[in-house]
Amino acid sequence: MFTGIIEDMGIVTGLKQDLGNLHISIKSNLTPELKIDQSMAHNGVCLTVVNIKDDVYTVTAIKETLDKSNLGTLKIHDKVNLERAMKLGDRLDGHMVQGHVDQTAVCTMVEETNGSWMFSFYYDSKLNNITIEKGSITVNGTSLTVVDSKKDSFSVAIIPYTYEHTNFSTFKKGSIVNLEFDVLGKYVSKLLELKK
């Protein structure tokens, strides 16, 4: 379980294809605090640490994860949003995030608005995921509040701190991001679907 509060931006240092799997090596300030078999969110995707060497650790993404997320598009030197699993008893500063990406979205607009930024995203609504105005959404692992909710798109407002301390600063029109929709919304949507 995660909160969507990004702790560090890691740098991709290695990518190794192994049959349907992708081994991703990342340099991070968090590496000295990690241990083998620990869960970490990478752009919102929960992956298990499988190797640690100096300030670089490695995780493995399977084919299903690569198909549902943007991890398969990573390149060497890319920045990745990182968060360790939350500790029981800690403050929940973001919202309840499972680290299970529902689908990807495409950035359709980046607009600087007098000291902050507005980002808009389009997603495939056929997968029955929904947003609501002022509801929670996770974009590349970052807990955010939805602005301008539509059937297949939404916007988020980004403050300077978030812009500088997450990989939002690398987004441009056409960037592919990971989305995890609010878990309560997913249950409500499923219940309504079953009642049809």
N, C-alpha and C. Protein backbone atom coordinates (compact mmCIF):
# COMPACT_ATOMS: atom_id res chain seq x y z
N MET A 1 0.85 -1.18 0.00
CA MET A 1 0.00 0.00 0.00
C MET A 1 0.89 1.24 0.00
N PHE A 2 0.47 2.25 -0.77
CA PHE A 2 1.25 3.47 -0.91
C PHE A 2 0.35 4.68 -0.67
N THR A 3 0.94 5.87 -0.69
CA THR A 3 0.16 7.09 -0.47
C THR A 3 0.17 8.02 -1.67
N GLY A 4 1.07 7.79 -2.63
CA GLY A 4 1.16 8.68 -3.77
C GLY A 4 2.01 9.90 -3.50
N ILE A 5 2.75 9.90 -2.39
CA ILE A 5 3.67 11.00 -2.08
C ILE A 5 5.06 10.53 -2.51
N ILE A 6 5.59 11.12 -3.57
CA ILE A 6 6.86 10.70 -4.16
C ILE A 6 8.02 11.05 -3.23
N GLU A 7 8.89 10.06 -2.97
CA GLU A 7 10.03 10.26 -2.08
C GLU A 7 11.30 10.66 -2.81
N ASP A 8 11.46 10.16 -4.04
CA ASP A 8 12.70 10.42 -4.78
C ASP A 8 12.43 10.20 -6.26
N MET A 9 13.27 10.82 -7.08
CA MET A 9 13.26 10.51 -8.51
C MET A 9 14.51 9.70 -8.79
N GLY A 10 14.31 8.44 -9.18
CA GLY A 10 15.44 7.59 -9.52
C GLY A 10 15.82 7.79 -10.98
N ILE A 11 17.04 7.40 -11.32
CA ILE A 11 17.53 7.48 -12.69
C ILE A 11 17.75 6.05 -13.21
N VAL A 12 17.16 5.75 -14.36
CA VAL A 12 17.32 4.42 -14.96
C VAL A 12 18.77 4.27 -15.44
N THR A 13 19.47 3.24 -14.94
CA THR A 13 20.86 3.00 -15.32
C THR A 13 21.03 1.73 -16.14
N GLY A 14 20.02 0.85 -16.12
CA GLY A 14 20.14 -0.40 -16.88
C GLY A 14 18.78 -0.97 -17.22
N LEU A 15 18.66 -1.54 -18.42
CA LEU A 15 17.45 -2.21 -18.88
C LEU A 15 17.87 -3.51 -19.55
N LYS A 16 17.38 -4.63 -19.02
CA LYS A 16 17.78 -5.92 -19.58
C LYS A 16 16.55 -6.78 -19.83
N GLN A 17 16.33 -7.09 -21.10
CA GLN A 17 15.20 -7.95 -21.49
C GLN A 17 15.55 -9.40 -21.19
N ASP A 18 14.62 -10.14 -20.59
CA ASP A 18 14.83 -11.54 -20.26
C ASP A 18 13.53 -12.28 -20.55
N LEU A 19 13.43 -12.86 -21.76
CA LEU A 19 12.18 -13.43 -22.26
C LEU A 19 11.11 -12.35 -22.20
N GLY A 20 10.01 -12.57 -21.49
CA GLY A 20 8.95 -11.55 -21.42
C GLY A 20 9.15 -10.54 -20.32
N ASN A 21 10.21 -10.68 -19.55
CA ASN A 21 10.46 -9.79 -18.40
C ASN A 21 11.44 -8.68 -18.76
N LEU A 22 11.37 -7.59 -18.00
CA LEU A 22 12.32 -6.49 -18.14
C LEU A 22 12.93 -6.22 -16.77
N HIS A 23 14.27 -6.38 -16.66
CA HIS A 23 14.98 -6.04 -15.43
C HIS A 23 15.38 -4.58 -15.52
N ILE A 24 14.94 -3.79 -14.55
CA ILE A 24 15.17 -2.34 -14.56
C ILE A 24 16.09 -1.99 -13.39
N SER A 25 17.25 -1.40 -13.69
CA SER A 25 18.18 -0.96 -12.65
C SER A 25 18.07 0.54 -12.49
N ILE A 26 18.01 0.98 -11.23
CA ILE A 26 17.74 2.38 -10.91
C ILE A 26 18.71 2.88 -9.85
N LYS A 27 19.28 4.05 -10.10
CA LYS A 27 20.12 4.73 -9.12
C LYS A 27 19.23 5.67 -8.33
N SER A 28 19.29 5.56 -6.99
CA SER A 28 18.41 6.37 -6.15
C SER A 28 19.07 6.68 -4.82
N ASN A 29 18.69 7.81 -4.24
CA ASN A 29 19.14 8.16 -2.89
C ASN A 29 18.54 7.22 -1.85
N LEU A 30 17.48 6.52 -2.20
CA LEU A 30 16.82 5.60 -1.27
C LEU A 30 17.50 4.24 -1.20
N THR A 31 18.36 3.93 -2.17
CA THR A 31 18.95 2.58 -2.27
C THR A 31 19.58 2.09 -0.97
N PRO A 32 20.36 2.92 -0.23
CA PRO A 32 20.97 2.41 1.00
C PRO A 32 19.96 1.95 2.05
N GLU A 33 18.71 2.40 1.95
CA GLU A 33 17.68 2.03 2.92
C GLU A 33 16.85 0.83 2.47
N LEU A 34 17.11 0.33 1.26
CA LEU A 34 16.31 -0.77 0.72
C LEU A 34 16.87 -2.12 1.11
N LYS A 35 16.02 -3.15 0.97
CA LYS A 35 16.47 -4.53 1.15
C LYS A 35 15.83 -5.39 0.08
N ILE A 36 16.45 -6.52 -0.18
CA ILE A 36 15.91 -7.47 -1.17
C ILE A 36 14.51 -7.89 -0.74
N ASP A 37 13.60 -8.01 -1.69
CA ASP A 37 12.22 -8.45 -1.48
C ASP A 37 11.31 -7.32 -0.98
N GLN A 38 11.80 -6.08 -0.97
CA GLN A 38 11.00 -4.94 -0.55
C GLN A 38 10.16 -4.42 -1.71
N SER A 39 8.96 -3.94 -1.42
CA SER A 39 8.09 -3.36 -2.45
C SER A 39 8.39 -1.87 -2.61
N MET A 40 8.46 -1.45 -3.88
CA MET A 40 8.67 -0.04 -4.22
C MET A 40 7.73 0.30 -5.37
N ALA A 41 7.18 1.51 -5.35
CA ALA A 41 6.36 1.98 -6.47
C ALA A 41 7.26 2.75 -7.44
N HIS A 42 7.17 2.39 -8.72
CA HIS A 42 7.97 3.00 -9.80
C HIS A 42 6.99 3.58 -10.81
N ASN A 43 6.89 4.91 -10.86
CA ASN A 43 5.85 5.56 -11.67
C ASN A 43 4.49 4.98 -11.32
N GLY A 44 4.32 4.62 -10.04
CA GLY A 44 3.05 4.09 -9.56
C GLY A 44 2.89 2.59 -9.64
N VAL A 45 3.89 1.88 -10.18
CA VAL A 45 3.81 0.42 -10.32
C VAL A 45 4.59 -0.24 -9.18
N CYS A 46 3.91 -1.08 -8.40
CA CYS A 46 4.56 -1.79 -7.31
C CYS A 46 5.41 -2.92 -7.87
N LEU A 47 6.73 -2.86 -7.60
CA LEU A 47 7.67 -3.89 -8.04
C LEU A 47 8.54 -4.29 -6.86
N THR A 48 9.09 -5.50 -6.93
CA THR A 48 9.91 -6.04 -5.85
C THR A 48 11.39 -5.85 -6.13
N VAL A 49 12.13 -5.37 -5.14
CA VAL A 49 13.58 -5.23 -5.26
C VAL A 49 14.20 -6.63 -5.29
N VAL A 50 14.97 -6.92 -6.35
CA VAL A 50 15.57 -8.24 -6.50
C VAL A 50 17.10 -8.23 -6.40
N ASN A 51 17.70 -7.05 -6.48
CA ASN A 51 19.16 -6.95 -6.39
C ASN A 51 19.54 -5.54 -5.94
N ILE A 52 20.62 -5.45 -5.16
CA ILE A 52 21.14 -4.16 -4.72
C ILE A 52 22.65 -4.19 -4.85
N LYS A 53 23.22 -3.14 -5.47
CA LYS A 53 24.67 -3.01 -5.56
C LYS A 53 25.02 -1.53 -5.47
N ASP A 54 25.71 -1.16 -4.40
CA ASP A 54 26.08 0.23 -4.13
C ASP A 54 24.82 1.10 -4.10
N ASP A 55 24.73 2.11 -4.98
CA ASP A 55 23.55 2.99 -4.96
C ASP A 55 22.54 2.66 -6.06
N VAL A 56 22.65 1.44 -6.61
CA VAL A 56 21.75 1.00 -7.68
C VAL A 56 21.01 -0.27 -7.23
N TYR A 57 19.72 -0.31 -7.47
CA TYR A 57 18.95 -1.52 -7.19
C TYR A 57 18.22 -1.93 -8.46
N THR A 58 17.76 -3.19 -8.48
CA THR A 58 17.10 -3.74 -9.66
C THR A 58 15.74 -4.32 -9.28
N VAL A 59 14.77 -4.09 -10.16
CA VAL A 59 13.43 -4.68 -10.04
C VAL A 59 13.10 -5.36 -11.37
N THR A 60 12.10 -6.23 -11.35
CA THR A 60 11.71 -6.94 -12.56
C THR A 60 10.24 -6.70 -12.85
N ALA A 61 9.95 -6.28 -14.09
CA ALA A 61 8.57 -6.09 -14.54
C ALA A 61 8.22 -7.23 -15.50
N ILE A 62 7.10 -7.91 -15.23
CA ILE A 62 6.66 -8.99 -16.11
C ILE A 62 5.86 -8.43 -17.28
N LYS A 63 5.53 -9.29 -18.24
CA LYS A 63 4.85 -8.86 -19.47
C LYS A 63 3.54 -8.14 -19.19
N GLU A 64 2.72 -8.66 -18.27
CA GLU A 64 1.43 -8.02 -17.97
C GLU A 64 1.63 -6.59 -17.47
N THR A 65 2.64 -6.40 -16.63
CA THR A 65 2.95 -5.06 -16.11
C THR A 65 3.41 -4.15 -17.24
N LEU A 66 4.25 -4.67 -18.12
CA LEU A 66 4.74 -3.87 -19.25
C LEU A 66 3.60 -3.51 -20.20
N ASP A 67 2.63 -4.42 -20.36
CA ASP A 67 1.50 -4.16 -21.25
C ASP A 67 0.56 -3.08 -20.69
N LYS A 68 0.44 -2.99 -19.36
CA LYS A 68 -0.52 -2.07 -18.75
C LYS A 68 0.08 -0.75 -18.28
N SER A 69 1.40 -0.61 -18.40
CA SER A 69 2.05 0.59 -17.86
C SER A 69 3.01 1.19 -18.88
N ASN A 70 3.66 2.28 -18.47
CA ASN A 70 4.65 2.92 -19.34
C ASN A 70 6.07 2.43 -19.08
N LEU A 71 6.23 1.42 -18.24
CA LEU A 71 7.58 0.95 -17.89
C LEU A 71 8.33 0.37 -19.10
N GLY A 72 7.61 -0.20 -20.04
CA GLY A 72 8.24 -0.75 -21.23
C GLY A 72 8.82 0.31 -22.16
N THR A 73 8.46 1.57 -21.94
CA THR A 73 8.97 2.67 -22.77
C THR A 73 10.19 3.35 -22.15
N LEU A 74 10.61 2.89 -20.96
CA LEU A 74 11.74 3.54 -20.29
C LEU A 74 13.02 3.43 -21.10
N LYS A 75 13.84 4.47 -20.96
CA LYS A 75 15.16 4.49 -21.60
C LYS A 75 16.20 4.81 -20.54
N ILE A 76 17.46 4.50 -20.81
CA ILE A 76 18.55 4.85 -19.90
C ILE A 76 18.53 6.36 -19.67
N HIS A 77 18.72 6.76 -18.42
CA HIS A 77 18.73 8.16 -17.94
C HIS A 77 17.34 8.73 -17.70
N ASP A 78 16.26 7.97 -17.99
CA ASP A 78 14.91 8.46 -17.68
C ASP A 78 14.76 8.62 -16.17
N LYS A 79 13.92 9.57 -15.77
CA LYS A 79 13.61 9.78 -14.35
C LYS A 79 12.34 9.02 -14.00
N VAL A 80 12.37 8.34 -12.86
CA VAL A 80 11.26 7.51 -12.41
C VAL A 80 10.83 7.97 -11.02
N ASN A 81 9.52 8.20 -10.84
CA ASN A 81 8.99 8.55 -9.52
C ASN A 81 9.04 7.32 -8.62
N LEU A 82 9.58 7.50 -7.40
CA LEU A 82 9.75 6.39 -6.47
C LEU A 82 9.05 6.66 -5.14
N GLU A 83 8.46 5.60 -4.61
CA GLU A 83 7.88 5.65 -3.27
C GLU A 83 7.99 4.27 -2.63
N ARG A 84 8.47 4.25 -1.38
CA ARG A 84 8.47 2.99 -0.63
C ARG A 84 7.07 2.73 -0.08
N ALA A 85 6.78 1.47 0.21
CA ALA A 85 5.48 1.13 0.79
C ALA A 85 5.32 1.85 2.12
N MET A 86 4.08 2.24 2.43
CA MET A 86 3.85 2.99 3.66
C MET A 86 4.00 2.09 4.88
N LYS A 87 4.38 2.72 6.00
CA LYS A 87 4.47 2.01 7.27
C LYS A 87 3.14 2.13 8.00
N LEU A 88 2.72 1.06 8.63
CA LEU A 88 1.50 1.09 9.43
C LEU A 88 1.66 2.11 10.54
N GLY A 89 0.72 3.01 10.67
CA GLY A 89 0.79 4.03 11.70
C GLY A 89 1.30 5.37 11.20
N ASP A 90 1.83 5.42 9.97
CA ASP A 90 2.28 6.69 9.40
C ASP A 90 1.08 7.54 8.98
N ARG A 91 1.32 8.84 8.83
CA ARG A 91 0.30 9.72 8.29
C ARG A 91 0.03 9.35 6.83
N LEU A 92 -1.21 9.47 6.43
CA LEU A 92 -1.59 9.22 5.03
C LEU A 92 -1.74 10.59 4.38
N ASP A 93 -0.63 11.11 3.82
CA ASP A 93 -0.65 12.47 3.27
C ASP A 93 -1.28 12.55 1.89
N GLY A 94 -1.27 11.48 1.12
CA GLY A 94 -1.87 11.49 -0.22
C GLY A 94 -3.24 10.84 -0.15
N HIS A 95 -3.39 9.69 -0.79
CA HIS A 95 -4.60 8.88 -0.66
C HIS A 95 -4.20 7.41 -0.77
N MET A 96 -5.14 6.51 -0.52
CA MET A 96 -4.83 5.09 -0.56
C MET A 96 -4.51 4.66 -1.99
N VAL A 97 -3.26 4.22 -2.21
CA VAL A 97 -2.79 3.83 -3.53
C VAL A 97 -2.28 2.39 -3.44
N GLN A 98 -2.71 1.54 -4.35
CA GLN A 98 -2.34 0.12 -4.28
C GLN A 98 -1.05 -0.19 -5.03
N GLY A 99 -0.65 0.65 -5.95
CA GLY A 99 0.52 0.35 -6.77
C GLY A 99 0.17 -0.57 -7.92
N HIS A 100 -1.12 -0.65 -8.26
CA HIS A 100 -1.62 -1.47 -9.37
C HIS A 100 -2.15 -0.53 -10.45
N VAL A 101 -1.36 -0.30 -11.47
CA VAL A 101 -1.76 0.62 -12.53
C VAL A 101 -2.93 0.05 -13.31
N ASP A 102 -3.96 0.88 -13.52
CA ASP A 102 -5.16 0.44 -14.24
C ASP A 102 -4.99 0.56 -15.75
N GLN A 103 -4.34 1.63 -16.18
CA GLN A 103 -4.13 1.85 -17.61
C GLN A 103 -3.21 3.05 -17.80
N THR A 104 -2.85 3.29 -19.04
CA THR A 104 -2.03 4.46 -19.34
C THR A 104 -2.92 5.57 -19.91
N ALA A 105 -2.35 6.76 -19.96
CA ALA A 105 -3.02 7.92 -20.55
C ALA A 105 -1.98 8.70 -21.34
N VAL A 106 -2.47 9.58 -22.19
CA VAL A 106 -1.59 10.43 -23.00
C VAL A 106 -1.76 11.87 -22.55
N CYS A 107 -0.65 12.55 -22.33
CA CYS A 107 -0.70 13.97 -21.99
C CYS A 107 -1.12 14.76 -23.22
N THR A 108 -2.17 15.56 -23.08
CA THR A 108 -2.69 16.33 -24.22
C THR A 108 -2.38 17.81 -24.11
N MET A 109 -2.01 18.28 -22.91
CA MET A 109 -1.72 19.69 -22.75
C MET A 109 -0.86 19.92 -21.52
N VAL A 110 0.11 20.80 -21.65
CA VAL A 110 0.90 21.30 -20.52
C VAL A 110 0.85 22.81 -20.61
N GLU A 111 0.32 23.44 -19.57
CA GLU A 111 0.17 24.90 -19.59
C GLU A 111 0.66 25.50 -18.28
N GLU A 112 1.60 26.43 -18.38
CA GLU A 112 2.06 27.15 -17.19
C GLU A 112 1.03 28.23 -16.88
N THR A 113 0.61 28.28 -15.62
CA THR A 113 -0.45 29.21 -15.25
C THR A 113 -0.03 30.05 -14.04
N ASN A 114 0.79 31.05 -14.28
CA ASN A 114 1.16 32.02 -13.25
C ASN A 114 1.76 31.36 -12.01
N GLY A 115 2.81 30.56 -12.22
CA GLY A 115 3.52 29.96 -11.09
C GLY A 115 3.19 28.51 -10.82
N SER A 116 2.15 27.99 -11.46
CA SER A 116 1.85 26.56 -11.34
C SER A 116 1.63 26.02 -12.76
N TRP A 117 1.26 24.75 -12.87
CA TRP A 117 1.09 24.12 -14.17
C TRP A 117 -0.23 23.37 -14.21
N MET A 118 -0.85 23.35 -15.38
CA MET A 118 -2.05 22.54 -15.61
C MET A 118 -1.68 21.48 -16.65
N PHE A 119 -1.92 20.22 -16.31
CA PHE A 119 -1.67 19.10 -17.21
C PHE A 119 -3.00 18.43 -17.52
N SER A 120 -3.24 18.14 -18.79
CA SER A 120 -4.45 17.42 -19.19
C SER A 120 -4.07 16.07 -19.78
N PHE A 121 -4.92 15.07 -19.56
CA PHE A 121 -4.66 13.71 -19.99
C PHE A 121 -5.90 13.09 -20.63
N TYR A 122 -5.68 12.28 -21.65
CA TYR A 122 -6.75 11.52 -22.31
C TYR A 122 -6.52 10.04 -22.04
N TYR A 123 -7.59 9.30 -21.71
CA TYR A 123 -7.47 7.86 -21.49
C TYR A 123 -8.64 7.13 -22.17
N ASP A 124 -8.47 5.85 -22.43
CA ASP A 124 -9.47 5.03 -23.08
C ASP A 124 -10.60 4.73 -22.09
N SER A 125 -11.77 5.31 -22.31
CA SER A 125 -12.89 5.13 -21.37
C SER A 125 -13.56 3.77 -21.51
N LYS A 126 -13.20 3.01 -22.54
CA LYS A 126 -13.81 1.68 -22.73
C LYS A 126 -13.42 0.72 -21.61
N LEU A 127 -12.38 1.05 -20.84
CA LEU A 127 -11.95 0.18 -19.74
C LEU A 127 -12.75 0.44 -18.47
N ASN A 128 -13.75 1.33 -18.57
CA ASN A 128 -14.71 1.61 -17.48
C ASN A 128 -14.09 2.24 -16.24
N ASN A 129 -12.98 2.93 -16.39
CA ASN A 129 -12.43 3.70 -15.27
C ASN A 129 -12.98 5.11 -15.34
N ILE A 130 -13.20 5.70 -14.17
CA ILE A 130 -13.81 7.03 -14.14
C ILE A 130 -13.06 7.96 -13.19
N THR A 131 -13.19 9.24 -13.46
CA THR A 131 -12.72 10.26 -12.53
C THR A 131 -13.93 11.09 -12.13
N ILE A 132 -13.81 11.78 -11.00
CA ILE A 132 -14.84 12.74 -10.61
C ILE A 132 -14.14 14.03 -10.19
N GLU A 133 -14.84 15.14 -10.38
CA GLU A 133 -14.32 16.44 -9.98
C GLU A 133 -13.92 16.43 -8.51
N LYS A 134 -12.72 16.85 -8.22
CA LYS A 134 -12.16 16.92 -6.86
C LYS A 134 -11.88 15.54 -6.27
N GLY A 135 -11.99 14.48 -7.09
CA GLY A 135 -11.65 13.14 -6.63
C GLY A 135 -10.15 12.91 -6.74
N SER A 136 -9.70 11.75 -6.27
CA SER A 136 -8.28 11.42 -6.30
C SER A 136 -7.93 10.64 -7.55
N ILE A 137 -6.72 10.86 -8.05
CA ILE A 137 -6.15 10.12 -9.18
C ILE A 137 -4.66 10.00 -8.92
N THR A 138 -4.06 8.92 -9.37
CA THR A 138 -2.62 8.77 -9.27
C THR A 138 -2.04 8.79 -10.68
N VAL A 139 -1.16 9.74 -10.95
CA VAL A 139 -0.50 9.87 -12.25
C VAL A 139 0.99 9.61 -12.05
N ASN A 140 1.50 8.55 -12.67
CA ASN A 140 2.91 8.14 -12.48
C ASN A 140 3.26 8.04 -10.99
N GLY A 141 2.29 7.52 -10.21
CA GLY A 141 2.53 7.31 -8.79
C GLY A 141 2.30 8.52 -7.91
N THR A 142 1.95 9.66 -8.48
CA THR A 142 1.76 10.90 -7.72
C THR A 142 0.29 11.10 -7.39
N SER A 143 -0.02 11.23 -6.11
CA SER A 143 -1.39 11.45 -5.66
C SER A 143 -1.81 12.88 -6.00
N LEU A 144 -2.92 13.00 -6.75
CA LEU A 144 -3.38 14.31 -7.21
C LEU A 144 -4.89 14.43 -7.11
N THR A 145 -5.36 15.66 -7.21
CA THR A 145 -6.79 15.95 -7.22
C THR A 145 -7.24 16.26 -8.64
N VAL A 146 -8.33 15.63 -9.06
CA VAL A 146 -8.85 15.80 -10.42
C VAL A 146 -9.48 17.18 -10.58
N VAL A 147 -9.15 17.81 -11.71
CA VAL A 147 -9.78 19.06 -12.13
C VAL A 147 -10.40 18.78 -13.50
N ASP A 148 -11.55 19.34 -13.76
CA ASP A 148 -12.15 19.25 -15.10
C ASP A 148 -12.33 17.80 -15.55
N SER A 149 -13.09 17.04 -14.79
CA SER A 149 -13.34 15.63 -15.10
C SER A 149 -14.31 15.48 -16.26
N LYS A 150 -13.92 14.66 -17.25
CA LYS A 150 -14.79 14.32 -18.37
C LYS A 150 -14.79 12.80 -18.53
N LYS A 151 -15.59 12.28 -19.46
CA LYS A 151 -15.73 10.83 -19.62
C LYS A 151 -14.40 10.15 -19.93
N ASP A 152 -13.54 10.78 -20.73
CA ASP A 152 -12.29 10.15 -21.14
C ASP A 152 -11.07 11.05 -20.95
N SER A 153 -11.22 12.08 -20.12
CA SER A 153 -10.10 12.99 -19.91
C SER A 153 -10.26 13.72 -18.58
N PHE A 154 -9.18 14.30 -18.12
CA PHE A 154 -9.19 15.09 -16.89
C PHE A 154 -7.93 15.96 -16.89
N SER A 155 -7.92 16.90 -15.97
CA SER A 155 -6.74 17.75 -15.77
C SER A 155 -6.34 17.70 -14.32
N VAL A 156 -5.08 18.04 -14.05
CA VAL A 156 -4.59 18.19 -12.69
C VAL A 156 -3.76 19.48 -12.62
N ALA A 157 -3.81 20.13 -11.48
CA ALA A 157 -3.01 21.34 -11.26
C ALA A 157 -1.78 20.94 -10.45
N ILE A 158 -0.61 21.38 -10.87
CA ILE A 158 0.64 20.98 -10.25
C ILE A 158 1.34 22.20 -9.65
N ILE A 159 1.63 22.13 -8.35
CA ILE A 159 2.34 23.22 -7.68
C ILE A 159 3.84 23.11 -7.98
N PRO A 160 4.59 24.19 -7.79
CA PRO A 160 6.03 24.16 -8.10
C PRO A 160 6.79 23.03 -7.41
N TYR A 161 6.48 22.73 -6.14
CA TYR A 161 7.20 21.67 -5.42
C TYR A 161 7.03 20.33 -6.14
N THR A 162 5.79 19.99 -6.49
CA THR A 162 5.53 18.72 -7.18
C THR A 162 6.20 18.70 -8.55
N TYR A 163 6.16 19.83 -9.25
CA TYR A 163 6.78 19.92 -10.57
C TYR A 163 8.28 19.64 -10.49
N GLU A 164 8.93 20.16 -9.46
CA GLU A 164 10.38 20.02 -9.32
C GLU A 164 10.81 18.68 -8.73
N HIS A 165 9.94 18.03 -7.94
CA HIS A 165 10.34 16.81 -7.22
C HIS A 165 9.70 15.53 -7.76
N THR A 166 9.07 15.62 -8.93
CA THR A 166 8.54 14.43 -9.60
C THR A 166 8.91 14.52 -11.08
N ASN A 167 8.59 13.49 -11.84
CA ASN A 167 8.93 13.56 -13.26
C ASN A 167 7.89 14.31 -14.08
N PHE A 168 6.97 15.04 -13.43
CA PHE A 168 6.07 15.93 -14.17
C PHE A 168 6.85 16.95 -14.98
N SER A 169 8.03 17.33 -14.50
CA SER A 169 8.84 18.33 -15.21
C SER A 169 9.32 17.81 -16.57
N THR A 170 9.22 16.49 -16.80
CA THR A 170 9.65 15.91 -18.08
C THR A 170 8.49 15.70 -19.05
N PHE A 171 7.25 15.89 -18.58
CA PHE A 171 6.08 15.62 -19.43
C PHE A 171 5.94 16.68 -20.51
N LYS A 172 5.51 16.23 -21.67
CA LYS A 172 5.14 17.14 -22.76
C LYS A 172 3.95 16.52 -23.48
N LYS A 173 3.39 17.25 -24.41
CA LYS A 173 2.26 16.72 -25.17
C LYS A 173 2.68 15.42 -25.83
N GLY A 174 1.91 14.36 -25.62
CA GLY A 174 2.23 13.05 -26.18
C GLY A 174 2.90 12.10 -25.20
N SER A 175 3.35 12.60 -24.04
CA SER A 175 3.95 11.73 -23.02
C SER A 175 2.93 10.70 -22.53
N ILE A 176 3.39 9.46 -22.35
CA ILE A 176 2.51 8.40 -21.84
C ILE A 176 2.75 8.25 -20.34
N VAL A 177 1.66 8.25 -19.57
CA VAL A 177 1.76 8.17 -18.10
C VAL A 177 0.92 7.00 -17.60
N ASN A 178 1.22 6.56 -16.39
CA ASN A 178 0.46 5.52 -15.72
C ASN A 178 -0.65 6.14 -14.88
N LEU A 179 -1.82 5.51 -14.91
CA LEU A 179 -2.95 5.96 -14.09
C LEU A 179 -3.37 4.84 -13.14
N GLU A 180 -3.58 5.20 -11.89
CA GLU A 180 -4.30 4.34 -10.96
C GLU A 180 -5.48 5.15 -10.46
N PHE A 181 -6.67 4.67 -10.79
CA PHE A 181 -7.89 5.37 -10.40
C PHE A 181 -8.20 5.08 -8.93
N ASP A 182 -8.98 5.95 -8.32
CA ASP A 182 -9.33 5.82 -6.91
C ASP A 182 -10.03 4.48 -6.66
N VAL A 183 -9.56 3.74 -5.65
CA VAL A 183 -10.07 2.38 -5.40
C VAL A 183 -11.56 2.40 -5.06
N LEU A 184 -12.04 3.41 -4.33
CA LEU A 184 -13.47 3.48 -4.01
C LEU A 184 -14.30 3.67 -5.27
N GLY A 185 -13.82 4.53 -6.15
CA GLY A 185 -14.51 4.75 -7.42
C GLY A 185 -14.58 3.48 -8.26
N LYS A 186 -13.52 2.68 -8.20
CA LYS A 186 -13.49 1.43 -8.97
C LYS A 186 -14.54 0.44 -8.44
N TYR A 187 -14.68 0.37 -7.12
CA TYR A 187 -15.69 -0.53 -6.54
C TYR A 187 -17.10 -0.07 -6.88
N VAL A 188 -17.35 1.24 -6.78
CA VAL A 188 -18.67 1.78 -7.10
C VAL A 188 -19.00 1.51 -8.56
N SER A 189 -18.04 1.76 -9.45
CA SER A 189 -18.24 1.53 -10.89
C SER A 189 -18.56 0.06 -11.16
N LYS A 190 -17.86 -0.85 -10.49
CA LYS A 190 -18.09 -2.29 -10.68
C LYS A 190 -19.47 -2.70 -10.17
N LEU A 191 -19.87 -2.16 -9.02
CA LEU A 191 -21.19 -2.49 -8.47
C LEU A 191 -22.32 -2.02 -9.39
N LEU A 192 -22.16 -0.80 -9.94
CA LEU A 192 -23.17 -0.28 -10.87
C LEU A 192 -23.23 -1.13 -12.14
N GLU A 193 -22.07 -1.59 -12.59
CA GLU A 193 -22.00 -2.42 -13.79
C GLU A 193 -22.71 -3.76 -13.55
N LEU A 194 -22.55 -4.33 -12.34
CA LEU A 194 -23.17 -5.62 -12.02
C LEU A 194 -24.70 -5.49 -11.90
N LYS A 195 -25.20 -4.29 -11.55
CA LYS A 195 -26.63 -4.09 -11.39
C LYS A 195 -27.36 -3.92 -12.72
N LYS A 196 -26.62 -3.74 -13.81
CA LYS A 196 -27.27 -3.55 -15.13
C LYS A 196 -27.94 -4.81 -15.60
